[in-house]
N, C-alpha and C. Protein backbone atom coordinates (compact mmCIF):
# COMPACT_ATOMS: atom_id res chain seq x y z
N MET A 1 0.83 -1.19 0.00
CA MET A 1 0.00 0.00 0.00
C MET A 1 0.87 1.25 0.00
N GLN A 2 0.63 2.15 -0.89
CA GLN A 2 1.38 3.39 -0.97
C GLN A 2 0.92 4.34 0.13
N THR A 3 1.85 4.89 0.87
CA THR A 3 1.54 5.81 1.95
C THR A 3 1.51 7.23 1.41
N PRO A 4 0.45 8.00 1.69
CA PRO A 4 0.41 9.37 1.20
C PRO A 4 1.48 10.20 1.89
N SER A 5 2.07 11.14 1.16
CA SER A 5 3.04 12.05 1.76
C SER A 5 2.89 13.42 1.12
N PHE A 6 3.37 14.42 1.82
CA PHE A 6 3.28 15.79 1.36
C PHE A 6 4.68 16.39 1.44
N ASP A 7 5.20 16.86 0.33
CA ASP A 7 6.53 17.45 0.30
C ASP A 7 6.39 18.94 0.60
N LEU A 8 7.00 19.38 1.71
CA LEU A 8 6.85 20.78 2.14
C LEU A 8 8.08 21.62 1.88
N ARG A 9 9.07 21.06 1.19
CA ARG A 9 10.27 21.83 0.92
C ARG A 9 9.95 22.95 -0.06
N GLN A 10 10.48 24.14 0.23
CA GLN A 10 10.26 25.27 -0.66
C GLN A 10 11.52 25.52 -1.47
N PRO A 11 11.37 25.82 -2.76
CA PRO A 11 12.56 26.15 -3.55
C PRO A 11 13.28 27.36 -2.94
N HIS A 12 14.62 27.29 -2.96
CA HIS A 12 15.39 28.40 -2.39
C HIS A 12 15.12 29.68 -3.16
N GLY A 13 15.10 30.80 -2.44
CA GLY A 13 14.94 32.09 -3.07
C GLY A 13 13.50 32.56 -3.18
N GLU A 14 12.53 31.75 -2.80
CA GLU A 14 11.13 32.18 -2.88
C GLU A 14 10.67 32.73 -1.54
N HIS A 15 11.03 33.95 -1.27
CA HIS A 15 10.65 34.59 -0.01
C HIS A 15 9.86 35.84 -0.33
N THR A 16 8.86 36.12 0.47
CA THR A 16 8.04 37.31 0.27
C THR A 16 8.09 38.15 1.53
N ALA A 17 7.43 39.29 1.50
CA ALA A 17 7.37 40.15 2.68
C ALA A 17 6.68 39.43 3.83
N ALA A 18 5.75 38.55 3.51
CA ALA A 18 5.04 37.80 4.55
C ALA A 18 5.95 36.83 5.27
N SER A 19 7.12 36.50 4.68
CA SER A 19 8.00 35.54 5.31
C SER A 19 8.79 36.13 6.48
N ALA A 20 8.57 37.42 6.81
CA ALA A 20 9.22 38.01 7.96
C ALA A 20 8.80 37.30 9.24
N ALA A 21 7.57 36.81 9.25
CA ALA A 21 7.11 35.99 10.37
C ALA A 21 7.55 34.56 10.10
N SER A 22 7.89 33.84 11.16
CA SER A 22 8.26 32.43 11.02
C SER A 22 7.01 31.59 10.99
N GLN A 23 7.04 30.54 10.21
CA GLN A 23 5.91 29.63 10.16
C GLN A 23 6.23 28.36 10.93
N TYR A 24 5.22 27.85 11.62
CA TYR A 24 5.38 26.65 12.44
C TYR A 24 4.30 25.64 12.06
N LEU A 25 4.74 24.41 11.84
CA LEU A 25 3.83 23.30 11.65
C LEU A 25 3.49 22.77 13.03
N THR A 26 2.21 22.69 13.34
CA THR A 26 1.82 22.19 14.66
C THR A 26 1.22 20.80 14.53
N PHE A 27 1.38 20.05 15.60
CA PHE A 27 0.89 18.67 15.63
C PHE A 27 0.34 18.38 17.02
N ILE A 28 -0.43 17.33 17.10
CA ILE A 28 -1.12 16.95 18.33
C ILE A 28 -0.47 15.71 18.93
N MET A 29 -0.29 15.74 20.24
CA MET A 29 0.08 14.57 21.02
C MET A 29 -0.67 14.66 22.34
N ASN A 30 -1.44 13.63 22.65
CA ASN A 30 -2.19 13.58 23.90
C ASN A 30 -3.09 14.80 24.09
N LYS A 31 -3.74 15.24 23.01
CA LYS A 31 -4.67 16.36 23.00
C LYS A 31 -4.02 17.72 23.25
N GLU A 32 -2.69 17.78 23.21
CA GLU A 32 -1.96 19.04 23.34
C GLU A 32 -1.26 19.34 22.02
N GLU A 33 -1.02 20.62 21.77
CA GLU A 33 -0.44 21.04 20.50
C GLU A 33 1.01 21.48 20.67
N TYR A 34 1.85 21.00 19.77
CA TYR A 34 3.28 21.33 19.74
C TYR A 34 3.59 21.83 18.34
N GLY A 35 4.69 22.57 18.19
CA GLY A 35 5.04 23.09 16.88
C GLY A 35 6.52 23.02 16.61
N VAL A 36 6.86 22.93 15.32
CA VAL A 36 8.25 22.97 14.87
C VAL A 36 8.34 23.95 13.71
N ASP A 37 9.52 24.55 13.57
CA ASP A 37 9.77 25.48 12.47
C ASP A 37 9.53 24.75 11.15
N ILE A 38 8.68 25.30 10.32
CA ILE A 38 8.31 24.62 9.07
C ILE A 38 9.49 24.49 8.12
N LEU A 39 10.50 25.34 8.26
CA LEU A 39 11.66 25.23 7.39
C LEU A 39 12.48 23.97 7.66
N CYS A 40 12.26 23.34 8.80
CA CYS A 40 12.94 22.08 9.13
C CYS A 40 12.17 20.87 8.61
N VAL A 41 10.93 21.07 8.21
CA VAL A 41 10.08 19.97 7.79
C VAL A 41 10.37 19.62 6.34
N GLN A 42 10.73 18.36 6.11
CA GLN A 42 10.97 17.87 4.75
C GLN A 42 9.68 17.36 4.12
N GLU A 43 8.93 16.59 4.88
CA GLU A 43 7.63 16.09 4.39
C GLU A 43 6.86 15.48 5.54
N ILE A 44 5.58 15.24 5.25
CA ILE A 44 4.68 14.59 6.21
C ILE A 44 4.18 13.32 5.54
N ARG A 45 4.31 12.21 6.26
CA ARG A 45 3.92 10.91 5.71
C ARG A 45 2.95 10.22 6.65
N GLY A 46 2.05 9.45 6.07
CA GLY A 46 1.22 8.59 6.89
C GLY A 46 2.09 7.54 7.56
N TRP A 47 1.62 6.99 8.68
CA TRP A 47 2.40 5.99 9.39
C TRP A 47 2.56 4.74 8.54
N GLU A 48 3.77 4.24 8.48
CA GLU A 48 4.06 2.95 7.89
C GLU A 48 5.02 2.24 8.83
N THR A 49 4.91 0.94 8.87
CA THR A 49 5.74 0.18 9.80
C THR A 49 7.22 0.40 9.49
N ALA A 50 7.99 0.66 10.53
CA ALA A 50 9.43 0.85 10.40
C ALA A 50 10.13 -0.48 10.64
N THR A 51 11.31 -0.63 10.08
CA THR A 51 12.12 -1.81 10.33
C THR A 51 12.79 -1.64 11.68
N PRO A 52 12.47 -2.51 12.65
CA PRO A 52 13.03 -2.36 13.99
C PRO A 52 14.55 -2.59 14.01
N LEU A 53 15.22 -1.89 14.89
CA LEU A 53 16.66 -2.05 15.08
C LEU A 53 16.90 -2.79 16.39
N PRO A 54 17.78 -3.78 16.39
CA PRO A 54 18.05 -4.52 17.63
C PRO A 54 18.69 -3.61 18.68
N ASN A 55 18.31 -3.80 19.92
CA ASN A 55 18.85 -3.08 21.08
C ASN A 55 18.61 -1.57 21.05
N ALA A 56 17.68 -1.12 20.24
CA ALA A 56 17.38 0.32 20.19
C ALA A 56 16.50 0.68 21.39
N PRO A 57 16.61 1.90 21.89
CA PRO A 57 15.70 2.34 22.95
C PRO A 57 14.26 2.25 22.46
N LYS A 58 13.31 2.14 23.39
CA LYS A 58 11.93 1.90 22.98
C LYS A 58 11.31 3.08 22.21
N HIS A 59 11.83 4.30 22.37
CA HIS A 59 11.28 5.43 21.62
C HIS A 59 11.74 5.44 20.15
N ILE A 60 12.76 4.66 19.81
CA ILE A 60 13.19 4.56 18.42
C ILE A 60 12.46 3.38 17.80
N LYS A 61 11.51 3.67 16.94
CA LYS A 61 10.65 2.65 16.35
C LYS A 61 11.36 1.84 15.28
N GLY A 62 12.44 2.36 14.75
CA GLY A 62 13.19 1.67 13.70
C GLY A 62 13.59 2.65 12.62
N VAL A 63 13.71 2.15 11.39
CA VAL A 63 14.12 2.99 10.26
C VAL A 63 13.21 2.72 9.08
N ILE A 64 13.10 3.71 8.19
CA ILE A 64 12.41 3.54 6.92
C ILE A 64 13.37 3.97 5.81
N ASN A 65 13.11 3.48 4.61
CA ASN A 65 13.87 3.88 3.44
C ASN A 65 13.07 4.95 2.73
N LEU A 66 13.58 6.17 2.73
CA LEU A 66 12.89 7.30 2.11
C LEU A 66 13.67 7.73 0.87
N ARG A 67 13.27 7.19 -0.26
CA ARG A 67 13.93 7.48 -1.54
C ARG A 67 15.45 7.29 -1.45
N GLY A 68 15.86 6.17 -0.85
CA GLY A 68 17.27 5.84 -0.77
C GLY A 68 17.98 6.33 0.49
N THR A 69 17.32 7.13 1.30
CA THR A 69 17.90 7.61 2.56
C THR A 69 17.30 6.81 3.70
N ILE A 70 18.15 6.27 4.56
CA ILE A 70 17.68 5.52 5.72
C ILE A 70 17.38 6.54 6.82
N VAL A 71 16.11 6.57 7.25
CA VAL A 71 15.64 7.59 8.20
C VAL A 71 15.22 6.92 9.51
N PRO A 72 15.87 7.29 10.64
CA PRO A 72 15.40 6.77 11.93
C PRO A 72 14.05 7.38 12.29
N ILE A 73 13.18 6.56 12.88
CA ILE A 73 11.84 7.01 13.26
C ILE A 73 11.74 6.99 14.78
N ILE A 74 11.41 8.14 15.35
CA ILE A 74 11.34 8.32 16.80
C ILE A 74 9.89 8.61 17.19
N ASP A 75 9.39 7.85 18.16
CA ASP A 75 8.04 8.09 18.68
C ASP A 75 8.15 9.20 19.73
N LEU A 76 7.75 10.41 19.35
CA LEU A 76 7.89 11.56 20.24
C LEU A 76 7.02 11.40 21.48
N ARG A 77 5.92 10.71 21.35
CA ARG A 77 5.03 10.45 22.47
C ARG A 77 5.80 9.70 23.58
N GLN A 78 6.57 8.68 23.20
CA GLN A 78 7.33 7.93 24.19
C GLN A 78 8.47 8.76 24.76
N CYS A 79 9.08 9.61 23.94
CA CYS A 79 10.13 10.51 24.45
C CYS A 79 9.58 11.44 25.52
N PHE A 80 8.33 11.86 25.37
CA PHE A 80 7.72 12.79 26.30
C PHE A 80 7.09 12.09 27.50
N GLY A 81 7.22 10.78 27.58
CA GLY A 81 6.66 10.06 28.72
C GLY A 81 5.15 9.97 28.69
N LEU A 82 4.55 10.12 27.51
CA LEU A 82 3.10 10.02 27.37
C LEU A 82 2.72 8.55 27.20
N PRO A 83 1.49 8.20 27.54
CA PRO A 83 1.09 6.80 27.37
C PRO A 83 1.10 6.39 25.90
N ALA A 84 1.50 5.15 25.65
CA ALA A 84 1.53 4.62 24.29
C ALA A 84 0.10 4.44 23.79
N ILE A 85 -0.09 4.64 22.49
CA ILE A 85 -1.40 4.42 21.86
C ILE A 85 -1.17 3.60 20.60
N ASP A 86 -2.23 3.00 20.11
CA ASP A 86 -2.17 2.32 18.82
C ASP A 86 -2.15 3.37 17.73
N TYR A 87 -1.34 3.13 16.70
CA TYR A 87 -1.30 4.05 15.58
C TYR A 87 -2.57 3.89 14.76
N THR A 88 -3.09 5.03 14.30
CA THR A 88 -4.35 5.06 13.54
C THR A 88 -4.10 5.66 12.17
N PRO A 89 -5.14 5.72 11.34
CA PRO A 89 -4.95 6.35 10.01
C PRO A 89 -4.52 7.82 10.07
N ILE A 90 -4.75 8.51 11.20
CA ILE A 90 -4.32 9.92 11.27
C ILE A 90 -2.94 10.07 11.91
N THR A 91 -2.36 8.98 12.39
CA THR A 91 -0.99 9.02 12.92
C THR A 91 -0.05 9.32 11.76
N VAL A 92 0.86 10.25 11.97
CA VAL A 92 1.77 10.65 10.89
C VAL A 92 3.22 10.65 11.35
N VAL A 93 4.09 10.60 10.36
CA VAL A 93 5.52 10.78 10.58
C VAL A 93 5.89 12.11 9.95
N ILE A 94 6.44 13.00 10.75
CA ILE A 94 6.94 14.28 10.23
C ILE A 94 8.44 14.09 10.02
N VAL A 95 8.88 14.20 8.78
CA VAL A 95 10.29 14.02 8.44
C VAL A 95 10.95 15.40 8.54
N LEU A 96 11.98 15.46 9.40
CA LEU A 96 12.64 16.73 9.71
C LEU A 96 14.12 16.69 9.36
N LYS A 97 14.65 17.84 8.98
CA LYS A 97 16.09 17.99 8.80
C LYS A 97 16.63 18.64 10.07
N VAL A 98 17.46 17.91 10.78
CA VAL A 98 17.97 18.34 12.07
C VAL A 98 19.44 18.72 11.93
N GLN A 99 19.79 19.92 12.39
CA GLN A 99 21.18 20.38 12.35
C GLN A 99 21.89 19.94 13.63
N GLN A 100 23.06 19.30 13.46
CA GLN A 100 23.85 18.87 14.60
C GLN A 100 25.31 19.14 14.30
N ALA A 101 25.88 20.02 15.11
CA ALA A 101 27.27 20.45 14.93
C ALA A 101 27.45 20.95 13.50
N SER A 102 28.34 20.32 12.74
CA SER A 102 28.61 20.79 11.38
C SER A 102 27.90 19.96 10.32
N THR A 103 26.95 19.14 10.73
CA THR A 103 26.25 18.27 9.79
C THR A 103 24.75 18.31 10.03
N SER A 104 24.01 17.67 9.16
CA SER A 104 22.57 17.58 9.36
C SER A 104 22.15 16.12 9.20
N ARG A 105 21.03 15.78 9.83
CA ARG A 105 20.47 14.44 9.76
C ARG A 105 19.00 14.55 9.39
N ILE A 106 18.51 13.52 8.75
CA ILE A 106 17.08 13.43 8.47
C ILE A 106 16.51 12.45 9.50
N ILE A 107 15.50 12.90 10.24
CA ILE A 107 14.89 12.10 11.30
C ILE A 107 13.38 12.24 11.18
N GLY A 108 12.67 11.14 11.39
CA GLY A 108 11.22 11.17 11.39
C GLY A 108 10.68 11.09 12.81
N ILE A 109 9.64 11.86 13.10
CA ILE A 109 8.99 11.77 14.40
C ILE A 109 7.55 11.32 14.21
N VAL A 110 7.12 10.37 15.02
CA VAL A 110 5.74 9.89 14.99
C VAL A 110 4.93 10.75 15.95
N VAL A 111 3.83 11.32 15.46
CA VAL A 111 2.94 12.14 16.28
C VAL A 111 1.50 11.68 16.04
N ASP A 112 0.60 12.05 16.93
CA ASP A 112 -0.79 11.61 16.82
C ASP A 112 -1.46 12.13 15.56
N ALA A 113 -1.25 13.40 15.24
CA ALA A 113 -1.89 14.00 14.06
C ALA A 113 -1.25 15.36 13.79
N VAL A 114 -1.32 15.81 12.55
CA VAL A 114 -0.89 17.16 12.19
C VAL A 114 -2.06 18.09 12.46
N SER A 115 -1.77 19.30 12.93
CA SER A 115 -2.83 20.23 13.27
C SER A 115 -2.95 21.36 12.26
N ASP A 116 -1.95 22.25 12.21
CA ASP A 116 -2.09 23.48 11.43
C ASP A 116 -0.72 24.06 11.14
N VAL A 117 -0.71 25.14 10.36
CA VAL A 117 0.50 25.94 10.14
C VAL A 117 0.17 27.35 10.58
N TYR A 118 1.00 27.92 11.45
CA TYR A 118 0.79 29.27 11.96
C TYR A 118 1.98 30.15 11.60
N SER A 119 1.69 31.40 11.22
CA SER A 119 2.73 32.40 11.04
C SER A 119 2.83 33.20 12.33
N LEU A 120 4.02 33.21 12.91
CA LEU A 120 4.21 33.87 14.20
C LEU A 120 5.40 34.80 14.14
N SER A 121 5.27 35.95 14.76
CA SER A 121 6.40 36.87 14.87
C SER A 121 7.12 36.59 16.18
N ALA A 122 8.32 37.11 16.31
CA ALA A 122 9.08 36.92 17.55
C ALA A 122 8.32 37.49 18.74
N ALA A 123 7.53 38.53 18.52
CA ALA A 123 6.76 39.14 19.61
C ALA A 123 5.66 38.22 20.13
N ASP A 124 5.22 37.27 19.31
CA ASP A 124 4.17 36.32 19.73
C ASP A 124 4.68 35.29 20.72
N LEU A 125 5.99 35.03 20.71
CA LEU A 125 6.57 33.97 21.52
C LEU A 125 6.81 34.42 22.96
N ARG A 126 6.51 33.52 23.88
CA ARG A 126 6.87 33.73 25.28
C ARG A 126 7.95 32.74 25.65
N GLN A 127 8.87 33.19 26.48
CA GLN A 127 9.97 32.33 26.89
C GLN A 127 9.45 31.19 27.75
N ALA A 128 10.04 30.02 27.58
CA ALA A 128 9.68 28.87 28.41
C ALA A 128 10.07 29.17 29.85
N PRO A 129 9.28 28.73 30.80
CA PRO A 129 9.58 29.02 32.20
C PRO A 129 10.81 28.27 32.67
N ASP A 130 11.47 28.83 33.65
CA ASP A 130 12.62 28.16 34.27
C ASP A 130 12.08 27.22 35.33
N LEU A 131 12.22 25.92 35.08
CA LEU A 131 11.75 24.92 36.03
C LEU A 131 12.91 24.32 36.81
N GLY A 132 14.02 25.04 36.84
CA GLY A 132 15.18 24.56 37.58
C GLY A 132 15.77 23.34 36.90
N HIS A 133 16.43 22.52 37.68
CA HIS A 133 17.06 21.32 37.15
C HIS A 133 16.09 20.17 37.00
N ALA A 134 14.84 20.36 37.41
CA ALA A 134 13.86 19.27 37.36
C ALA A 134 13.53 18.87 35.93
N VAL A 135 13.55 19.84 34.99
CA VAL A 135 13.19 19.55 33.60
C VAL A 135 14.17 20.27 32.69
N ASP A 136 14.70 19.55 31.73
CA ASP A 136 15.61 20.12 30.74
C ASP A 136 14.77 20.89 29.72
N MET A 137 14.91 22.21 29.67
CA MET A 137 14.06 23.04 28.81
C MET A 137 14.80 23.63 27.60
N HIS A 138 16.06 23.26 27.40
CA HIS A 138 16.80 23.90 26.30
C HIS A 138 16.23 23.59 24.92
N PHE A 139 15.37 22.60 24.81
CA PHE A 139 14.78 22.24 23.52
C PHE A 139 13.42 22.90 23.30
N VAL A 140 12.93 23.67 24.27
CA VAL A 140 11.68 24.42 24.10
C VAL A 140 12.04 25.81 23.59
N LYS A 141 11.64 26.11 22.38
CA LYS A 141 11.93 27.40 21.76
C LYS A 141 11.11 28.51 22.39
N GLY A 142 9.87 28.17 22.75
CA GLY A 142 8.99 29.16 23.35
C GLY A 142 7.58 28.63 23.42
N LEU A 143 6.72 29.44 24.00
CA LEU A 143 5.30 29.12 24.13
C LEU A 143 4.51 30.23 23.46
N VAL A 144 3.40 29.87 22.87
CA VAL A 144 2.56 30.86 22.22
C VAL A 144 1.11 30.50 22.50
N SER A 145 0.30 31.52 22.70
CA SER A 145 -1.12 31.31 22.93
C SER A 145 -1.84 31.60 21.62
N ILE A 146 -2.54 30.57 21.10
CA ILE A 146 -3.27 30.70 19.83
C ILE A 146 -4.69 30.22 20.07
N GLU A 147 -5.65 31.09 19.81
CA GLU A 147 -7.06 30.73 19.94
C GLU A 147 -7.35 30.08 21.30
N ASN A 148 -6.90 30.70 22.36
CA ASN A 148 -7.13 30.25 23.74
C ASN A 148 -6.52 28.89 24.07
N LYS A 149 -5.48 28.51 23.36
CA LYS A 149 -4.77 27.28 23.71
C LYS A 149 -3.27 27.56 23.69
N MET A 150 -2.54 26.84 24.53
CA MET A 150 -1.10 27.00 24.61
C MET A 150 -0.44 26.03 23.63
N VAL A 151 0.45 26.54 22.80
CA VAL A 151 1.21 25.72 21.86
C VAL A 151 2.68 25.79 22.28
N ILE A 152 3.30 24.63 22.42
CA ILE A 152 4.70 24.54 22.81
C ILE A 152 5.53 24.41 21.55
N LEU A 153 6.39 25.39 21.28
CA LEU A 153 7.25 25.37 20.10
C LEU A 153 8.57 24.72 20.47
N LEU A 154 8.95 23.72 19.71
CA LEU A 154 10.13 22.92 20.01
C LEU A 154 11.32 23.32 19.14
N ASN A 155 12.50 23.30 19.72
CA ASN A 155 13.75 23.46 18.98
C ASN A 155 14.21 22.06 18.62
N ILE A 156 13.91 21.62 17.41
CA ILE A 156 14.17 20.23 17.05
C ILE A 156 15.65 19.91 16.97
N ASP A 157 16.49 20.92 16.68
CA ASP A 157 17.93 20.65 16.64
C ASP A 157 18.43 20.20 18.01
N GLN A 158 17.88 20.77 19.06
CA GLN A 158 18.24 20.37 20.42
C GLN A 158 17.52 19.10 20.83
N LEU A 159 16.24 19.03 20.52
CA LEU A 159 15.41 17.91 20.95
C LEU A 159 15.84 16.59 20.33
N LEU A 160 16.15 16.60 19.05
CA LEU A 160 16.42 15.36 18.34
C LEU A 160 17.90 15.08 18.14
N ASN A 161 18.71 15.55 19.06
CA ASN A 161 20.13 15.20 19.04
C ASN A 161 20.22 13.78 19.58
N ILE A 162 20.27 12.80 18.68
CA ILE A 162 20.22 11.39 19.06
C ILE A 162 21.34 11.03 20.03
N ASP A 163 22.50 11.68 19.91
CA ASP A 163 23.61 11.35 20.79
C ASP A 163 23.32 11.76 22.23
N GLU A 164 22.45 12.76 22.43
CA GLU A 164 22.16 13.27 23.77
C GLU A 164 20.66 13.42 23.96
N MET A 165 19.86 12.42 23.58
CA MET A 165 18.40 12.52 23.66
C MET A 165 17.99 12.80 25.10
N PRO A 166 17.34 13.94 25.35
CA PRO A 166 16.96 14.28 26.71
C PRO A 166 15.83 13.39 27.24
N ASN A 167 15.78 13.24 28.56
CA ASN A 167 14.68 12.52 29.20
C ASN A 167 13.56 13.53 29.39
N LEU A 168 12.48 13.34 28.66
CA LEU A 168 11.40 14.32 28.65
C LEU A 168 10.20 13.90 29.46
N SER A 169 10.26 12.76 30.12
CA SER A 169 9.09 12.32 30.86
C SER A 169 8.76 13.35 31.93
N GLY A 170 7.51 13.67 32.04
CA GLY A 170 7.05 14.67 33.00
C GLY A 170 6.98 16.08 32.43
N LEU A 171 7.58 16.31 31.26
CA LEU A 171 7.57 17.65 30.67
C LEU A 171 6.15 18.11 30.38
N HIS A 172 5.37 17.24 29.79
CA HIS A 172 4.00 17.59 29.37
C HIS A 172 3.21 18.17 30.55
N GLU A 173 3.18 17.48 31.67
CA GLU A 173 2.42 17.93 32.82
C GLU A 173 2.94 19.26 33.35
N LYS A 174 4.25 19.43 33.38
CA LYS A 174 4.82 20.67 33.93
C LYS A 174 4.53 21.87 33.05
N LEU A 175 4.65 21.70 31.72
CA LEU A 175 4.39 22.83 30.83
C LEU A 175 2.93 23.17 30.73
N ILE A 176 2.07 22.17 30.65
CA ILE A 176 0.65 22.42 30.52
C ILE A 176 0.11 23.02 31.83
N GLY A 177 0.71 22.66 32.92
CA GLY A 177 0.28 23.18 34.22
C GLY A 177 0.50 24.67 34.36
N ILE A 178 1.45 25.24 33.56
CA ILE A 178 1.72 26.68 33.66
C ILE A 178 0.83 27.49 32.74
N GLY A 179 0.22 26.83 31.73
CA GLY A 179 -0.58 27.53 30.71
C GLY A 179 -1.87 27.96 31.28
C-alpha cells in the first residue's frame, strides 16, 4: 500500500514580505499542541511500519527507506513520557532535517496528528519558564497562545540530538500546568 506524503520543501529564493514571520507546523500529542519550524520539515507521511533495530531504545521505532535515505523514526510520544497508543490512520511521521554540529540528519517523528500551520512573529513567543534542574528546557523554543490554547514550540535541533536525547518524561504535565 502506498503511503500518502506531502513534500513541504520550498525552492530556495522564494521569499516574500510575509515571510518576515516564522511559520510553524503544529501537531497533536495527547490532545496538546506542539510546533516545529516549518523550514525544518521535509515532508509529512502517513504511518508505515518501520524496520526495527536490535537493542534500540523503545522510543526509536526503527528505520524507513525514504527514496534511498535511511531515516530513523522516533516516537515523540514515548520521548515525552506520554502513554503509548495504537497508531491510527491519522498518525503521521513528520520528516525533519535536524542540524547537529557541522552536519545535518534526516529524522522522522511519529505524532498523533498534524494540526495546522501558523505564522508567528518573535513578539508572539513567550519564553519557556525556568523549572530549575527538574526539567531540561533547552529544547523548548517558546510558548505561544493561539485561539485560547497553549502551543509549545520545540527546537528540534536540540530535541532530536540522538547522541544526547533528553529525558522528557514529565515535561508535558509541567508545561501544561503553567498555561
